[in-house]
Every structure is written in structure tokens, then in C-alpha cells.
Amino acid sequence: MNFMTIMLQAAPAAAPGAAPAGSMWSSILMIVMLFVVMYFFMIRPQRKQQKELDNFRNGLAKGQKVVTAGGIYGTVKEIHDRDILMEVDGNVTLRVDKTAIMRDPRA
């Protein structure tokens, strides 16, 4: 016996042209539930975290201590539209893009 014969024998006998009644709706329900679970466990928390990070970047103030994505600790010296001037040590200042600012080191 080959695989196809076994599968045909195992399949339940149905009337010709009749589709299983609950099969289509249960499949659709399972797909919808999968998307709902993905939204609540993956997409929603990521959006919330991104919103908090954007609020932090927009609320930067002069003299605030920050950390860059590269791990450089410093203090905000000047704030511009797209970048900031960050004092690292003594008279050393770096111009850093706002998107590279990750968090407050105290948090």
C-alpha cells in the first residue's frame, strides 16, 4: 500500500459535494485568535516601549545625564532639532543624533 491509499481509507466518508460544516469556521477562528495573541504579546508592548522612548527623547533637558546606543555616558549640553551636544568628560563634547540616545542611566 502506498501513502495515498492509506490516506483515502482513513478519510471519513462524506456526501459528494458536501463540505465539513465546522471546519471552515474553526480554521478562521484559529487564525483570528493567532493574530489577537500576536498583537497583545508582541506588537502592543513594543509600541508602548517605543512611545516611552520617544517621549524620553522629546523631553530631554540641558544638564540631563544620558546613555547612547554605543554605551557612552554623558550630560546634555545643547539640544537641537535632530541632534544634541553631549559633554562626555571635561571639555570633550560629542554631537549625537537623538535616535542614538537610549535611556537615563539612573533608570
PDB file of N, CA and C in Angstrom:
ATOM      1  N   MET A   1       0.836  -1.182   0.000  1.00  0.00           N
ATOM      2  CA  MET A   1       0.000   0.000   0.000  1.00  0.00           C
ATOM      3  C   MET A   1       0.876   1.239   0.000  1.00  0.00           C
ATOM      4  N   ASN A   2       0.461   2.195  -0.766  1.00  0.00           N
ATOM      5  CA  ASN A   2       1.198   3.449  -0.759  1.00  0.00           C
ATOM      6  C   ASN A   2       0.507   4.457   0.163  1.00  0.00           C
ATOM      7  N   PHE A   3       1.111   5.579   0.328  1.00  0.00           N
ATOM      8  CA  PHE A   3       0.630   6.604   1.256  1.00  0.00           C
ATOM      9  C   PHE A   3      -0.758   7.118   0.878  1.00  0.00           C
ATOM     10  N   MET A   4      -1.004   7.318  -0.399  1.00  0.00           N
ATOM     11  CA  MET A   4      -2.285   7.861  -0.853  1.00  0.00           C
ATOM     12  C   MET A   4      -3.435   6.908  -0.543  1.00  0.00           C
ATOM     13  N   THR A   5      -3.215   5.632  -0.687  1.00  0.00           N
ATOM     14  CA  THR A   5      -4.256   4.652  -0.396  1.00  0.00           C
ATOM     15  C   THR A   5      -4.605   4.647   1.084  1.00  0.00           C
ATOM     16  N   ILE A   6      -3.597   4.741   1.927  1.00  0.00           N
ATOM     17  CA  ILE A   6      -3.830   4.782   3.362  1.00  0.00           C
ATOM     18  C   ILE A   6      -4.629   6.018   3.741  1.00  0.00           C
ATOM     19  N   MET A   7      -4.272   7.158   3.169  1.00  0.00           N
ATOM     20  CA  MET A   7      -4.977   8.401   3.471  1.00  0.00           C
ATOM     21  C   MET A   7      -6.430   8.358   2.996  1.00  0.00           C
ATOM     22  N   LEU A   8      -6.680   7.766   1.842  1.00  0.00           N
ATOM     23  CA  LEU A   8      -8.056   7.680   1.341  1.00  0.00           C
ATOM     24  C   LEU A   8      -8.908   6.750   2.197  1.00  0.00           C
ATOM     25  N   GLN A   9      -8.308   5.694   2.702  1.00  0.00           N
ATOM     26  CA  GLN A   9      -9.051   4.778   3.553  1.00  0.00           C
ATOM     27  C   GLN A   9      -9.332   5.387   4.930  1.00  0.00           C
ATOM     28  N   ALA A  10      -8.412   6.224   5.403  1.00  0.00           N
ATOM     29  CA  ALA A  10      -8.572   6.836   6.719  1.00  0.00           C
ATOM     30  C   ALA A  10      -9.545   8.006   6.704  1.00  0.00           C
ATOM     31  N   ALA A  11      -9.783   8.612   5.546  1.00  0.00           N
ATOM     32  CA  ALA A  11     -10.667   9.770   5.455  1.00  0.00           C
ATOM     33  C   ALA A  11     -12.110   9.328   5.679  1.00  0.00           C
ATOM     34  N   PRO A  12     -12.886  10.100   6.421  1.00  0.00           N
ATOM     35  CA  PRO A  12     -14.284   9.740   6.648  1.00  0.00           C
ATOM     36  C   PRO A  12     -15.092   9.881   5.366  1.00  0.00           C
ATOM     37  N   ALA A  13     -16.066   9.047   5.222  1.00  0.00           N
ATOM     38  CA  ALA A  13     -16.921   9.096   4.036  1.00  0.00           C
ATOM     39  C   ALA A  13     -17.887  10.267   4.173  1.00  0.00           C
ATOM     40  N   ALA A  14     -17.945  11.115   3.158  1.00  0.00           N
ATOM     41  CA  ALA A  14     -18.838  12.270   3.166  1.00  0.00           C
ATOM     42  C   ALA A  14     -19.666  12.253   1.898  1.00  0.00           C
ATOM     43  N   ALA A  15     -20.766  12.921   1.954  1.00  0.00           N
ATOM     44  CA  ALA A  15     -21.625  13.008   0.775  1.00  0.00           C
ATOM     45  C   ALA A  15     -20.901  13.801  -0.301  1.00  0.00           C
ATOM     46  N   PRO A  16     -21.098  13.415  -1.564  1.00  0.00           N
ATOM     47  CA  PRO A  16     -20.408  14.151  -2.630  1.00  0.00           C
ATOM     48  C   PRO A  16     -20.854  15.615  -2.675  1.00  0.00           C
ATOM     49  N   GLY A  17     -19.854  16.517  -2.728  1.00  0.00           N
ATOM     50  CA  GLY A  17     -20.134  17.947  -2.811  1.00  0.00           C
ATOM     51  C   GLY A  17     -20.388  18.605  -1.476  1.00  0.00           C
ATOM     52  N   ALA A  18     -20.429  17.851  -0.401  1.00  0.00           N
ATOM     53  CA  ALA A  18     -20.689  18.429   0.918  1.00  0.00           C
ATOM     54  C   ALA A  18     -19.370  18.722   1.614  1.00  0.00           C
ATOM     55  N   ALA A  19     -19.240  19.917   2.146  1.00  0.00           N
ATOM     56  CA  ALA A  19     -18.027  20.296   2.885  1.00  0.00           C
ATOM     57  C   ALA A  19     -18.298  20.125   4.372  1.00  0.00           C
ATOM     58  N   PRO A  20     -17.277  19.814   5.139  1.00  0.00           N
ATOM     59  CA  PRO A  20     -17.468  19.723   6.584  1.00  0.00           C
ATOM     60  C   PRO A  20     -17.963  21.052   7.135  1.00  0.00           C
ATOM     61  N   ALA A  21     -18.986  21.021   7.963  1.00  0.00           N
ATOM     62  CA  ALA A  21     -19.679  22.234   8.403  1.00  0.00           C
ATOM     63  C   ALA A  21     -18.814  23.126   9.282  1.00  0.00           C
ATOM     64  N   GLY A  22     -18.207  22.590  10.323  1.00  0.00           N
ATOM     65  CA  GLY A  22     -17.476  23.419  11.267  1.00  0.00           C
ATOM     66  C   GLY A  22     -16.018  23.630  10.917  1.00  0.00           C
ATOM     67  N   SER A  23     -15.524  22.955   9.947  1.00  0.00           N
ATOM     68  CA  SER A  23     -14.098  23.004   9.624  1.00  0.00           C
ATOM     69  C   SER A  23     -13.652  24.397   9.175  1.00  0.00           C
ATOM     70  N   MET A  24     -14.427  25.021   8.304  1.00  0.00           N
ATOM     71  CA  MET A  24     -14.035  26.329   7.785  1.00  0.00           C
ATOM     72  C   MET A  24     -14.062  27.388   8.897  1.00  0.00           C
ATOM     73  N   TRP A  25     -15.122  27.388   9.702  1.00  0.00           N
ATOM     74  CA  TRP A  25     -15.244  28.405  10.744  1.00  0.00           C
ATOM     75  C   TRP A  25     -14.213  28.215  11.845  1.00  0.00           C
ATOM     76  N   SER A  26     -13.904  26.986  12.165  1.00  0.00           N
ATOM     77  CA  SER A  26     -12.897  26.763  13.205  1.00  0.00           C
ATOM     78  C   SER A  26     -11.512  27.176  12.715  1.00  0.00           C
ATOM     79  N   SER A  27     -11.225  26.985  11.440  1.00  0.00           N
ATOM     80  CA  SER A  27      -9.942  27.425  10.875  1.00  0.00           C
ATOM     81  C   SER A  27      -9.825  28.946  10.906  1.00  0.00           C
ATOM     82  N   ILE A  28     -10.891  29.610  10.508  1.00  0.00           N
ATOM     83  CA  ILE A  28     -10.888  31.071  10.514  1.00  0.00           C
ATOM     84  C   ILE A  28     -10.744  31.600  11.939  1.00  0.00           C
ATOM     85  N   LEU A  29     -11.443  30.972  12.876  1.00  0.00           N
ATOM     86  CA  LEU A  29     -11.357  31.376  14.273  1.00  0.00           C
ATOM     87  C   LEU A  29      -9.940  31.194  14.815  1.00  0.00           C
ATOM     88  N   MET A  30      -9.306  30.113  14.473  1.00  0.00           N
ATOM     89  CA  MET A  30      -7.930  29.865  14.935  1.00  0.00           C
ATOM     90  C   MET A  30      -6.955  30.908  14.374  1.00  0.00           C
ATOM     91  N   ILE A  31      -7.116  31.285  13.124  1.00  0.00           N
ATOM     92  CA  ILE A  31      -6.241  32.301  12.525  1.00  0.00           C
ATOM     93  C   ILE A  31      -6.465  33.653  13.194  1.00  0.00           C
ATOM     94  N   VAL A  32      -7.725  34.004  13.436  1.00  0.00           N
ATOM     95  CA  VAL A  32      -8.034  35.271  14.106  1.00  0.00           C
ATOM     96  C   VAL A  32      -7.449  35.286  15.511  1.00  0.00           C
ATOM     97  N   MET A  33      -7.606  34.187  16.240  1.00  0.00           N
ATOM     98  CA  MET A  33      -7.051  34.094  17.595  1.00  0.00           C
ATOM     99  C   MET A  33      -5.530  34.206  17.590  1.00  0.00           C
ATOM    100  N   LEU A  34      -4.880  33.637  16.588  1.00  0.00           N
ATOM    101  CA  LEU A  34      -3.431  33.741  16.457  1.00  0.00           C
ATOM    102  C   LEU A  34      -3.000  35.197  16.303  1.00  0.00           C
ATOM    103  N   PHE A  35      -3.706  35.955  15.471  1.00  0.00           N
ATOM    104  CA  PHE A  35      -3.375  37.369  15.294  1.00  0.00           C
ATOM    105  C   PHE A  35      -3.649  38.183  16.559  1.00  0.00           C
ATOM    106  N   VAL A  36      -4.712  37.855  17.272  1.00  0.00           N
ATOM    107  CA  VAL A  36      -5.017  38.557  18.525  1.00  0.00           C
ATOM    108  C   VAL A  36      -3.915  38.311  19.553  1.00  0.00           C
ATOM    109  N   VAL A  37      -3.492  37.085  19.683  1.00  0.00           N
ATOM    110  CA  VAL A  37      -2.421  36.753  20.629  1.00  0.00           C
ATOM    111  C   VAL A  37      -1.124  37.445  20.234  1.00  0.00           C
ATOM    112  N   MET A  38      -0.792  37.440  18.947  1.00  0.00           N
ATOM    113  CA  MET A  38       0.423  38.119  18.484  1.00  0.00           C
ATOM    114  C   MET A  38       0.361  39.610  18.786  1.00  0.00           C
ATOM    115  N   TYR A  39      -0.802  40.210  18.600  1.00  0.00           N
ATOM    116  CA  TYR A  39      -0.936  41.640  18.851  1.00  0.00           C
ATOM    117  C   TYR A  39      -0.705  41.954  20.325  1.00  0.00           C
ATOM    118  N   PHE A  40      -1.365  41.208  21.223  1.00  0.00           N
ATOM    119  CA  PHE A  40      -1.268  41.530  22.642  1.00  0.00           C
ATOM    120  C   PHE A  40       0.060  41.144  23.271  1.00  0.00           C
ATOM    121  N   PHE A  41       0.763  40.167  22.741  1.00  0.00           N
ATOM    122  CA  PHE A  41       2.023  39.748  23.343  1.00  0.00           C
ATOM    123  C   PHE A  41       3.262  40.269  22.636  1.00  0.00           C
ATOM    124  N   MET A  42       3.129  40.760  21.396  1.00  0.00           N
ATOM    125  CA  MET A  42       4.310  41.213  20.663  1.00  0.00           C
ATOM    126  C   MET A  42       4.209  42.662  20.201  1.00  0.00           C
ATOM    127  N   ILE A  43       3.177  42.984  19.478  1.00  0.00           N
ATOM    128  CA  ILE A  43       3.088  44.293  18.830  1.00  0.00           C
ATOM    129  C   ILE A  43       2.763  45.389  19.837  1.00  0.00           C
ATOM    130  N   ARG A  44       1.783  45.177  20.692  1.00  0.00           N
ATOM    131  CA  ARG A  44       1.350  46.210  21.649  1.00  0.00           C
ATOM    132  C   ARG A  44       2.455  46.598  22.638  1.00  0.00           C
ATOM    133  N   PRO A  45       3.164  45.648  23.274  1.00  0.00           N
ATOM    134  CA  PRO A  45       4.240  46.046  24.184  1.00  0.00           C
ATOM    135  C   PRO A  45       5.381  46.779  23.482  1.00  0.00           C
ATOM    136  N   GLN A  46       5.677  46.378  22.240  1.00  0.00           N
ATOM    137  CA  GLN A  46       6.748  47.045  21.507  1.00  0.00           C
ATOM    138  C   GLN A  46       6.358  48.489  21.180  1.00  0.00           C
ATOM    139  N   ARG A  47       5.119  48.718  20.801  1.00  0.00           N
ATOM    140  CA  ARG A  47       4.657  50.079  20.530  1.00  0.00           C
ATOM    141  C   ARG A  47       4.696  50.944  21.788  1.00  0.00           C
ATOM    142  N   LYS A  48       4.310  50.347  22.922  1.00  0.00           N
ATOM    143  CA  LYS A  48       4.330  51.075  24.184  1.00  0.00           C
ATOM    144  C   LYS A  48       5.755  51.469  24.556  1.00  0.00           C
ATOM    145  N   GLN A  49       6.687  50.556  24.389  1.00  0.00           N
ATOM    146  CA  GLN A  49       8.086  50.836  24.704  1.00  0.00           C
ATOM    147  C   GLN A  49       8.644  51.919  23.775  1.00  0.00           C
ATOM    148  N   GLN A  50       8.309  51.865  22.491  1.00  0.00           N
ATOM    149  CA  GLN A  50       8.778  52.867  21.539  1.00  0.00           C
ATOM    150  C   GLN A  50       8.191  54.235  21.864  1.00  0.00           C
ATOM    151  N   LYS A  51       6.945  54.284  22.286  1.00  0.00           N
ATOM    152  CA  LYS A  51       6.308  55.546  22.649  1.00  0.00           C
ATOM    153  C   LYS A  51       6.995  56.167  23.869  1.00  0.00           C
ATOM    154  N   GLU A  52       7.324  55.328  24.874  1.00  0.00           N
ATOM    155  CA  GLU A  52       8.027  55.822  26.061  1.00  0.00           C
ATOM    156  C   GLU A  52       9.409  56.367  25.697  1.00  0.00           C
ATOM    157  N   LEU A  53      10.111  55.686  24.792  1.00  0.00           N
ATOM    158  CA  LEU A  53      11.432  56.134  24.364  1.00  0.00           C
ATOM    159  C   LEU A  53      11.338  57.456  23.591  1.00  0.00           C
ATOM    160  N   ASP A  54      10.325  57.596  22.744  1.00  0.00           N
ATOM    161  CA  ASP A  54      10.125  58.852  22.007  1.00  0.00           C
ATOM    162  C   ASP A  54       9.812  59.997  22.967  1.00  0.00           C
ATOM    163  N   ASN A  55       8.981  59.740  23.975  1.00  0.00           N
ATOM    164  CA  ASN A  55       8.672  60.776  24.968  1.00  0.00           C
ATOM    165  C   ASN A  55       9.924  61.167  25.749  1.00  0.00           C
ATOM    166  N   PHE A  56      10.771  60.198  26.076  1.00  0.00           N
ATOM    167  CA  PHE A  56      12.023  60.489  26.776  1.00  0.00           C
ATOM    168  C   PHE A  56      12.928  61.366  25.918  1.00  0.00           C
ATOM    169  N   ARG A  57      13.059  61.022  24.634  1.00  0.00           N
ATOM    170  CA  ARG A  57      13.928  61.791  23.728  1.00  0.00           C
ATOM    171  C   ARG A  57      13.394  63.209  23.515  1.00  0.00           C
ATOM    172  N   ASN A  58      12.081  63.351  23.410  1.00  0.00           N
ATOM    173  CA  ASN A  58      11.500  64.683  23.214  1.00  0.00           C
ATOM    174  C   ASN A  58      11.553  65.515  24.490  1.00  0.00           C
ATOM    175  N   GLY A  59      11.663  64.875  25.638  1.00  0.00           N
ATOM    176  CA  GLY A  59      11.692  65.586  26.906  1.00  0.00           C
ATOM    177  C   GLY A  59      13.096  65.827  27.441  1.00  0.00           C
ATOM    178  N   LEU A  60      14.111  65.645  26.595  1.00  0.00           N
ATOM    179  CA  LEU A  60      15.481  65.871  27.055  1.00  0.00           C
ATOM    180  C   LEU A  60      15.664  67.320  27.491  1.00  0.00           C
ATOM    181  N   ALA A  61      16.450  67.500  28.549  1.00  0.00           N
ATOM    182  CA  ALA A  61      16.711  68.841  29.064  1.00  0.00           C
ATOM    183  C   ALA A  61      18.210  69.033  29.243  1.00  0.00           C
ATOM    184  N   LYS A  62      18.622  70.275  29.201  1.00  0.00           N
ATOM    185  CA  LYS A  62      20.026  70.610  29.384  1.00  0.00           C
ATOM    186  C   LYS A  62      20.466  70.179  30.793  1.00  0.00           C
ATOM    187  N   GLY A  63      21.621  69.517  30.849  1.00  0.00           N
ATOM    188  CA  GLY A  63      22.157  69.050  32.123  1.00  0.00           C
ATOM    189  C   GLY A  63      21.719  67.640  32.500  1.00  0.00           C
ATOM    190  N   GLN A  64      20.859  67.019  31.700  1.00  0.00           N
ATOM    191  CA  GLN A  64      20.374  65.678  31.993  1.00  0.00           C
ATOM    192  C   GLN A  64      21.417  64.635  31.603  1.00  0.00           C
ATOM    193  N   LYS A  65      21.582  63.619  32.423  1.00  0.00           N
ATOM    194  CA  LYS A  65      22.533  62.550  32.137  1.00  0.00           C
ATOM    195  C   LYS A  65      21.860  61.516  31.253  1.00  0.00           C
ATOM    196  N   VAL A  66      22.582  61.078  30.185  1.00  0.00           N
ATOM    197  CA  VAL A  66      22.032  60.127  29.221  1.00  0.00           C
ATOM    198  C   VAL A  66      23.088  59.090  28.850  1.00  0.00           C
ATOM    199  N   VAL A  67      22.626  58.025  28.186  1.00  0.00           N
ATOM    200  CA  VAL A  67      23.496  56.986  27.649  1.00  0.00           C
ATOM    201  C   VAL A  67      23.135  56.809  26.178  1.00  0.00           C
ATOM    202  N   THR A  68      24.148  56.687  25.316  1.00  0.00           N
ATOM    203  CA  THR A  68      23.901  56.471  23.894  1.00  0.00           C
ATOM    204  C   THR A  68      23.762  54.982  23.614  1.00  0.00           C
ATOM    205  N   ALA A  69      23.377  54.665  22.379  1.00  0.00           N
ATOM    206  CA  ALA A  69      23.236  53.265  21.970  1.00  0.00           C
ATOM    207  C   ALA A  69      24.583  52.561  22.000  1.00  0.00           C
ATOM    208  N   GLY A  70      25.662  53.298  21.839  1.00  0.00           N
ATOM    209  CA  GLY A  70      27.005  52.721  21.873  1.00  0.00           C
ATOM    210  C   GLY A  70      27.559  52.580  23.271  1.00  0.00           C
ATOM    211  N   GLY A  71      26.828  53.045  24.278  1.00  0.00           N
ATOM    212  CA  GLY A  71      27.266  52.891  25.658  1.00  0.00           C
ATOM    213  C   GLY A  71      28.075  54.056  26.193  1.00  0.00           C
ATOM    214  N   ILE A  72      28.003  55.203  25.545  1.00  0.00           N
ATOM    215  CA  ILE A  72      28.733  56.390  26.001  1.00  0.00           C
ATOM    216  C   ILE A  72      27.849  57.168  26.977  1.00  0.00           C
ATOM    217  N   TYR A  73      28.373  57.388  28.170  1.00  0.00           N
ATOM    218  CA  TYR A  73      27.659  58.151  29.192  1.00  0.00           C
ATOM    219  C   TYR A  73      28.048  59.615  29.073  1.00  0.00           C
ATOM    220  N   GLY A  74      27.082  60.497  29.239  1.00  0.00           N
ATOM    221  CA  GLY A  74      27.382  61.914  29.167  1.00  0.00           C
ATOM    222  C   GLY A  74      26.240  62.761  29.678  1.00  0.00           C
ATOM    223  N   THR A  75      26.448  64.083  29.582  1.00  0.00           N
ATOM    224  CA  THR A  75      25.464  65.052  30.033  1.00  0.00           C
ATOM    225  C   THR A  75      25.064  65.920  28.852  1.00  0.00           C
ATOM    226  N   VAL A  76      23.768  66.185  28.712  1.00  0.00           N
ATOM    227  CA  VAL A  76      23.271  67.008  27.606  1.00  0.00           C
ATOM    228  C   VAL A  76      23.732  68.442  27.816  1.00  0.00           C
ATOM    229  N   LYS A  77      24.377  68.987  26.762  1.00  0.00           N
ATOM    230  CA  LYS A  77      24.861  70.365  26.825  1.00  0.00           C
ATOM    231  C   LYS A  77      23.977  71.298  26.003  1.00  0.00           C
ATOM    232  N   GLU A  78      23.627  70.893  24.784  1.00  0.00           N
ATOM    233  CA  GLU A  78      22.731  71.663  23.908  1.00  0.00           C
ATOM    234  C   GLU A  78      21.775  70.711  23.213  1.00  0.00           C
ATOM    235  N   ILE A  79      20.573  71.202  22.915  1.00  0.00           N
ATOM    236  CA  ILE A  79      19.571  70.384  22.230  1.00  0.00           C
ATOM    237  C   ILE A  79      19.171  71.090  20.939  1.00  0.00           C
ATOM    238  N   HIS A  80      19.248  70.341  19.836  1.00  0.00           N
ATOM    239  CA  HIS A  80      18.817  70.848  18.528  1.00  0.00           C
ATOM    240  C   HIS A  80      17.643  69.989  18.051  1.00  0.00           C
ATOM    241  N   ASP A  81      17.170  70.247  16.831  1.00  0.00           N
ATOM    242  CA  ASP A  81      16.012  69.502  16.323  1.00  0.00           C
ATOM    243  C   ASP A  81      16.295  68.004  16.207  1.00  0.00           C
ATOM    244  N   ARG A  82      17.391  67.652  15.536  1.00  0.00           N
ATOM    245  CA  ARG A  82      17.659  66.238  15.269  1.00  0.00           C
ATOM    246  C   ARG A  82      18.826  65.669  16.064  1.00  0.00           C
ATOM    247  N   ASP A  83      19.609  66.509  16.701  1.00  0.00           N
ATOM    248  CA  ASP A  83      20.775  66.018  17.433  1.00  0.00           C
ATOM    249  C   ASP A  83      20.957  66.796  18.727  1.00  0.00           C
ATOM    250  N   ILE A  84      21.897  66.322  19.529  1.00  0.00           N
ATOM    251  CA  ILE A  84      22.230  67.014  20.774  1.00  0.00           C
ATOM    252  C   ILE A  84      23.745  67.119  20.867  1.00  0.00           C
ATOM    253  N   LEU A  85      24.213  68.072  21.644  1.00  0.00           N
ATOM    254  CA  LEU A  85      25.616  68.173  22.001  1.00  0.00           C
ATOM    255  C   LEU A  85      25.735  67.596  23.397  1.00  0.00           C
ATOM    256  N   MET A  86      26.592  66.588  23.528  1.00  0.00           N
ATOM    257  CA  MET A  86      26.705  65.860  24.780  1.00  0.00           C
ATOM    258  C   MET A  86      28.116  66.013  25.322  1.00  0.00           C
ATOM    259  N   GLU A  87      28.224  66.458  26.563  1.00  0.00           N
ATOM    260  CA  GLU A  87      29.528  66.587  27.204  1.00  0.00           C
ATOM    261  C   GLU A  87      29.882  65.243  27.830  1.00  0.00           C
ATOM    262  N   VAL A  88      31.048  64.718  27.433  1.00  0.00           N
ATOM    263  CA  VAL A  88      31.448  63.404  27.899  1.00  0.00           C
ATOM    264  C   VAL A  88      32.389  63.512  29.089  1.00  0.00           C
ATOM    265  N   ASP A  89      33.458  64.301  28.939  1.00  0.00           N
ATOM    266  CA  ASP A  89      34.431  64.426  30.018  1.00  0.00           C
ATOM    267  C   ASP A  89      35.157  65.750  29.864  1.00  0.00           C
ATOM    268  N   GLY A  90      35.096  66.571  30.876  1.00  0.00           N
ATOM    269  CA  GLY A  90      35.797  67.856  30.821  1.00  0.00           C
ATOM    270  C   GLY A  90      35.322  68.705  29.663  1.00  0.00           C
ATOM    271  N   ASN A  91      36.222  68.996  28.727  1.00  0.00           N
ATOM    272  CA  ASN A  91      35.884  69.827  27.568  1.00  0.00           C
ATOM    273  C   ASN A  91      35.579  68.994  26.327  1.00  0.00           C
ATOM    274  N   VAL A  92      35.376  67.702  26.480  1.00  0.00           N
ATOM    275  CA  VAL A  92      35.079  66.832  25.346  1.00  0.00           C
ATOM    276  C   VAL A  92      33.571  66.814  25.119  1.00  0.00           C
ATOM    277  N   THR A  93      33.163  67.257  23.920  1.00  0.00           N
ATOM    278  CA  THR A  93      31.749  67.238  23.570  1.00  0.00           C
ATOM    279  C   THR A  93      31.558  66.427  22.300  1.00  0.00           C
ATOM    280  N   LEU A  94      30.447  65.746  22.229  1.00  0.00           N
ATOM    281  CA  LEU A  94      30.104  64.943  21.055  1.00  0.00           C
ATOM    282  C   LEU A  94      28.751  65.387  20.529  1.00  0.00           C
ATOM    283  N   ARG A  95      28.638  65.430  19.190  1.00  0.00           N
ATOM    284  CA  ARG A  95      27.336  65.684  18.575  1.00  0.00           C
ATOM    285  C   ARG A  95      26.723  64.317  18.291  1.00  0.00           C
ATOM    286  N   VAL A  96      25.575  64.063  18.900  1.00  0.00           N
ATOM    287  CA  VAL A  96      24.936  62.747  18.821  1.00  0.00           C
ATOM    288  C   VAL A  96      23.520  62.919  18.297  1.00  0.00           C
ATOM    289  N   ASP A  97      23.113  62.047  17.384  1.00  0.00           N
ATOM    290  CA  ASP A  97      21.750  62.056  16.881  1.00  0.00           C
ATOM    291  C   ASP A  97      20.797  61.656  18.014  1.00  0.00           C
ATOM    292  N   LYS A  98      19.610  62.269  18.037  1.00  0.00           N
ATOM    293  CA  LYS A  98      18.664  61.973  19.118  1.00  0.00           C
ATOM    294  C   LYS A  98      18.228  60.506  19.123  1.00  0.00           C
ATOM    295  N   THR A  99      18.202  59.874  17.963  1.00  0.00           N
ATOM    296  CA  THR A  99      17.792  58.473  17.909  1.00  0.00           C
ATOM    297  C   THR A  99      18.815  57.550  18.557  1.00  0.00           C
ATOM    298  N   ALA A 100      20.032  58.043  18.798  1.00  0.00           N
ATOM    299  CA  ALA A 100      21.057  57.226  19.450  1.00  0.00           C
ATOM    300  C   ALA A 100      20.977  57.300  20.970  1.00  0.00           C
ATOM    301  N   ILE A 101      20.189  58.222  21.485  1.00  0.00           N
ATOM    302  CA  ILE A 101      20.014  58.334  22.938  1.00  0.00           C
ATOM    303  C   ILE A 101      19.038  57.257  23.366  1.00  0.00           C
ATOM    304  N   MET A 102      19.465  56.403  24.306  1.00  0.00           N
ATOM    305  CA  MET A 102      18.651  55.253  24.666  1.00  0.00           C
ATOM    306  C   MET A 102      17.899  55.418  25.983  1.00  0.00           C
ATOM    307  N   ARG A 103      18.574  55.891  27.031  1.00  0.00           N
ATOM    308  CA  ARG A 103      17.890  55.928  28.315  1.00  0.00           C
ATOM    309  C   ARG A 103      18.621  56.825  29.288  1.00  0.00           C
ATOM    310  N   ASP A 104      17.970  57.036  30.395  1.00  0.00           N
ATOM    311  CA  ASP A 104      18.551  57.759  31.523  1.00  0.00           C
ATOM    312  C   ASP A 104      19.337  56.734  32.342  1.00  0.00           C
ATOM    313  N   PRO A 105      20.603  57.007  32.654  1.00  0.00           N
ATOM    314  CA  PRO A 105      21.392  55.997  33.366  1.00  0.00           C
ATOM    315  C   PRO A 105      20.889  55.700  34.773  1.00  0.00           C
ATOM    316  N   ARG A 106      20.101  56.590  35.349  1.00  0.00           N
ATOM    317  CA  ARG A 106      19.581  56.352  36.696  1.00  0.00           C
ATOM    318  C   ARG A 106      18.410  55.378  36.688  1.00  0.00           C
ATOM    319  N   ALA A 107      17.791  55.198  35.526  1.00  0.00           N
ATOM    320  CA  ALA A 107      16.595  54.333  35.452  1.00  0.00           C
ATOM    321  C   ALA A 107      16.941  52.868  35.371  1.00  0.00           C
TER     322      ALA A 107
END
